[in-house]
C-alpha atoms as a PDB file:
ATOM      1  CA  MET A   1     227.657   7.832-100.393  1.00  0.00           C
ATOM      2  CA  VAL A   2     225.207  10.465-101.592  1.00  0.00           C
ATOM      3  CA  VAL A   3     225.632  12.923-104.437  1.00  0.00           C
ATOM      4  CA  VAL A   4     223.669  16.101-103.805  1.00  0.00           C
ATOM      5  CA  SER A   5     222.361  18.711-106.230  1.00  0.00           C
ATOM      6  CA  ASN A   6     224.401  21.768-107.162  1.00  0.00           C
ATOM      7  CA  ASN A   7     223.018  23.763-104.245  1.00  0.00           C
ATOM      8  CA  ASP A   8     223.344  20.736-101.919  1.00  0.00           C
ATOM      9  CA  GLY A   9     219.578  20.615-101.522  1.00  0.00           C
ATOM     10  CA  CYS A  10     218.539  17.140-102.691  1.00  0.00           C
ATOM     11  CA  ALA A  11     220.053  13.714-103.158  1.00  0.00           C
ATOM     12  CA  VAL A  12     220.517  13.077-106.872  1.00  0.00           C
ATOM     13  CA  SER A  13     222.381   9.759-106.623  1.00  0.00           C
ATOM     14  CA  VAL A  14     222.412   7.391-103.657  1.00  0.00           C
ATOM     15  CA  SER A  15     224.533   4.306-102.981  1.00  0.00           C
ATOM     16  CA  LYS A  16     222.790   1.065-102.023  1.00  0.00           C
ATOM     17  CA  GLU A  17     224.186   1.428 -98.496  1.00  0.00           C
ATOM     18  CA  ALA A  18     222.603   4.881 -98.104  1.00  0.00           C
ATOM     19  CA  LYS A  19     219.325   3.578 -99.587  1.00  0.00           C
ATOM     20  CA  ALA A  20     219.298   0.813 -96.992  1.00  0.00           C
ATOM     21  CA  LEU A  21     219.360   3.512 -94.311  1.00  0.00           C
ATOM     22  CA  GLY A  22     216.326   5.222 -95.866  1.00  0.00           C
ATOM     23  CA  ILE A  23     218.048   7.932 -97.904  1.00  0.00           C
ATOM     24  CA  LEU A  24     216.356   7.941-101.299  1.00  0.00           C
ATOM     25  CA  THR A  25     216.990   9.827-104.523  1.00  0.00           C
ATOM     26  CA  GLY A  26     215.221  13.176-104.423  1.00  0.00           C
ATOM     27  CA  VAL A  27     215.080  13.482-100.644  1.00  0.00           C
ATOM     28  CA  PRO A  28     215.968  16.918 -99.245  1.00  0.00           C
ATOM     29  CA  ILE A  29     219.311  16.490 -97.483  1.00  0.00           C
ATOM     30  CA  HIS A  30     218.271  18.576 -94.480  1.00  0.00           C
ATOM     31  CA  THR A  31     215.666  15.889 -93.637  1.00  0.00           C
ATOM     32  CA  VAL A  32     218.317  13.146 -93.333  1.00  0.00           C
ATOM     33  CA  LYS A  33     221.241  15.079 -91.808  1.00  0.00           C
ATOM     34  CA  HIS A  34     220.941  12.939 -88.670  1.00  0.00           C
ATOM     35  CA  LEU A  35     221.491   9.749 -90.710  1.00  0.00           C
ATOM     36  CA  VAL A  36     224.402  11.315 -92.560  1.00  0.00           C
ATOM     37  CA  LYS A  37     226.088  12.224 -89.281  1.00  0.00           C
ATOM     38  CA  GLN A  38     225.177   9.016 -87.421  1.00  0.00           C
ATOM     39  CA  HIS A  39     226.451   6.677 -90.141  1.00  0.00           C
ATOM     40  CA  GLY A  40     229.319   8.758 -91.526  1.00  0.00           C
ATOM     41  CA  ILE A  41     227.756   8.927 -94.977  1.00  0.00           C
ATOM     42  CA  LEU A  42     229.900  10.766 -97.492  1.00  0.00           C
ATOM     43  CA  LEU A  43     228.200  13.689 -99.247  1.00  0.00           C
ATOM     44  CA  PHE A  44     229.482  14.924-102.588  1.00  0.00           C
ATOM     45  CA  SER A  45     228.277  17.998-104.402  1.00  0.00           C
ATOM     46  CA  LEU A  46     227.303  17.364-107.983  1.00  0.00           C
ATOM     47  CA  ASP A  47     230.175  17.995-110.353  1.00  0.00           C
ATOM     48  CA  PHE A  48     228.461  17.313-113.660  1.00  0.00           C
ATOM     49  CA  PRO A  49     231.600  17.122-115.857  1.00  0.00           C
ATOM     50  CA  PHE A  50     233.197  14.702-113.370  1.00  0.00           C
ATOM     51  CA  TYR A  51     229.967  12.684-113.156  1.00  0.00           C
ATOM     52  CA  ILE A  52     229.893  12.369-116.953  1.00  0.00           C
ATOM     53  CA  ALA A  53     233.546  11.259-116.988  1.00  0.00           C
ATOM     54  CA  CYS A  54     232.806   8.583-114.371  1.00  0.00           C
ATOM     55  CA  SER A  55     229.780   7.405-116.327  1.00  0.00           C
ATOM     56  CA  GLU A  56     231.829   7.135-119.519  1.00  0.00           C
ATOM     57  CA  ALA A  57     234.572   5.202-117.718  1.00  0.00           C
ATOM     58  CA  VAL A  58     232.060   2.658-116.440  1.00  0.00           C
ATOM     59  CA  LEU A  59     230.389   2.381-119.863  1.00  0.00           C
ATOM     60  CA  ALA A  60     233.764   1.672-121.451  1.00  0.00           C
ATOM     61  CA  TYR A  61     234.223  -1.386-119.211  1.00  0.00           C
ATOM     62  CA  LEU A  62     230.635  -2.582-119.534  1.00  0.00           C
ATOM     63  CA  GLU A  63     230.979  -2.672-123.327  1.00  0.00           C
ATOM     64  CA  HIS A  64     233.351  -5.626-122.845  1.00  0.00           C
ATOM     65  CA  TYR A  65     230.495  -7.684-121.400  1.00  0.00           C
ATOM     66  CA  SER A  66     227.781  -7.103-123.974  1.00  0.00           C
ATOM     67  CA  PRO A  67     227.604  -5.371-127.326  1.00  0.00           C
ATOM     68  CA  LEU A  68     223.907  -4.789-126.619  1.00  0.00           C
ATOM     69  CA  MET A  69     223.935  -1.990-124.083  1.00  0.00           C
ATOM     70  CA  GLU A  70     221.533   0.867-123.482  1.00  0.00           C
ATOM     71  CA  ALA A  71     222.485   3.877-121.379  1.00  0.00           C
ATOM     72  CA  TYR A  72     219.168   4.359-119.589  1.00  0.00           C
ATOM     73  CA  SER A  73     220.427   7.472-117.813  1.00  0.00           C
ATOM     74  CA  ILE A  74     223.758   8.903-116.716  1.00  0.00           C
ATOM     75  CA  ASP A  75     223.989   6.344-113.915  1.00  0.00           C
ATOM     76  CA  LYS A  76     221.838   3.454-115.161  1.00  0.00           C
ATOM     77  CA  VAL A  77     222.723   1.028-117.932  1.00  0.00           C
ATOM     78  CA  ILE A  78     220.898  -1.987-119.296  1.00  0.00           C
ATOM     79  CA  LEU A  79     223.064  -4.823-120.627  1.00  0.00           C
ATOM     80  CA  ASP A  80     221.441  -7.511-122.727  1.00  0.00           C
ATOM     81  CA  VAL A  81     223.211 -10.742-121.845  1.00  0.00           C
ATOM     82  CA  ARG A  82     220.760 -13.163-123.452  1.00  0.00           C
ATOM     83  CA  GLY A  83     222.690 -15.972-125.053  1.00  0.00           C
ATOM     84  CA  ILE A  84     225.944 -15.117-123.303  1.00  0.00           C
ATOM     85  CA  ARG A  85     228.190 -18.064-122.495  1.00  0.00           C
ATOM     86  CA  LEU A  86     229.182 -17.962-118.861  1.00  0.00           C
ATOM     87  CA  PRO A  87     232.747 -18.950-117.990  1.00  0.00           C
ATOM     88  CA  ASN A  88     233.052 -22.384-116.364  1.00  0.00           C
ATOM     89  CA  THR A  89     234.076 -20.654-113.131  1.00  0.00           C
ATOM     90  CA  THR A  90     230.888 -18.558-113.077  1.00  0.00           C
ATOM     91  CA  PRO A  91     227.846 -20.767-112.442  1.00  0.00           C
ATOM     92  CA  THR A  92     225.068 -18.121-112.485  1.00  0.00           C
ATOM     93  CA  LEU A  93     224.213 -14.724-113.938  1.00  0.00           C
ATOM     94  CA  HIS A  94     224.271 -13.327-110.401  1.00  0.00           C
ATOM     95  CA  ALA A  95     227.877 -14.479-110.002  1.00  0.00           C
ATOM     96  CA  TYR A  96     228.647 -13.042-113.434  1.00  0.00           C
ATOM     97  CA  ALA A  97     227.174  -9.689-112.345  1.00  0.00           C
ATOM     98  CA  GLN A  98     229.289  -9.730-109.187  1.00  0.00           C
ATOM     99  CA  GLY A  99     232.362 -10.354-111.313  1.00  0.00           C
ATOM    100  CA  ILE A 100     231.505  -7.337-113.464  1.00  0.00           C
ATOM    101  CA  GLU A 101     231.066  -5.194-110.335  1.00  0.00           C
ATOM    102  CA  GLN A 102     234.473  -6.304-109.045  1.00  0.00           C
ATOM    103  CA  THR A 103     236.188  -5.698-112.380  1.00  0.00           C
ATOM    104  CA  VAL A 104     234.709  -2.212-112.809  1.00  0.00           C
ATOM    105  CA  TRP A 105     235.792  -1.345-109.248  1.00  0.00           C
ATOM    106  CA  ALA A 106     239.298  -2.719-109.808  1.00  0.00           C
ATOM    107  CA  GLN A 107     239.730  -0.782-113.038  1.00  0.00           C
ATOM    108  CA  THR A 108     237.996   2.512-112.203  1.00  0.00           C
ATOM    109  CA  LYS A 109     237.559   2.668-108.407  1.00  0.00           C
ATOM    110  CA  ILE A 110     233.926   3.535-109.140  1.00  0.00           C
ATOM    111  CA  PRO A 111     231.457   1.397-107.168  1.00  0.00           C
ATOM    112  CA  VAL A 112     228.656  -0.089-109.240  1.00  0.00           C
ATOM    113  CA  SER A 113     225.662  -2.245-108.376  1.00  0.00           C
ATOM    114  CA  ILE A 114     224.323  -4.708-110.909  1.00  0.00           C
ATOM    115  CA  GLY A 115     220.947  -6.363-110.752  1.00  0.00           C
ATOM    116  CA  VAL A 116     219.833  -9.325-112.808  1.00  0.00           C
ATOM    117  CA  ALA A 117     216.319  -9.484-114.287  1.00  0.00           C
ATOM    118  CA  THR A 118     214.472 -11.303-117.033  1.00  0.00           C
ATOM    119  CA  SER A 119     213.690  -7.988-118.707  1.00  0.00           C
ATOM    120  CA  ALA A 120     214.665  -4.335-118.370  1.00  0.00           C
ATOM    121  CA  MET A 121     211.273  -3.636-116.841  1.00  0.00           C
ATOM    122  CA  SER A 122     211.676  -6.206-114.044  1.00  0.00           C
ATOM    123  CA  HIS A 123     213.529  -3.834-111.711  1.00  0.00           C
END
């Protein structure tokens, strides 16, 4: 999935699947039309009010996982999970992150990707 700018000129948000195919944020869409067609990538024109609503819906669920949360941008959030007690059924932070991804999807139908790092600057 790729969200394109208001005039459909550039990618402004790119799913991890599209990134894996070489479509990066900021790329002019006309330069990757062949990948879009070949792989059936969904293109969505930027609808800023809708994008904000989606962002707020995701933030509402992420607040359940850490009171220490920083909205880095409209589609990037940093959760501080230092000192968090993992459930007995979740052996690692990576598994915990996957559980958050699954819960956010189940509740909002908005796909999210969560990385785990030792600091916010490790990504």
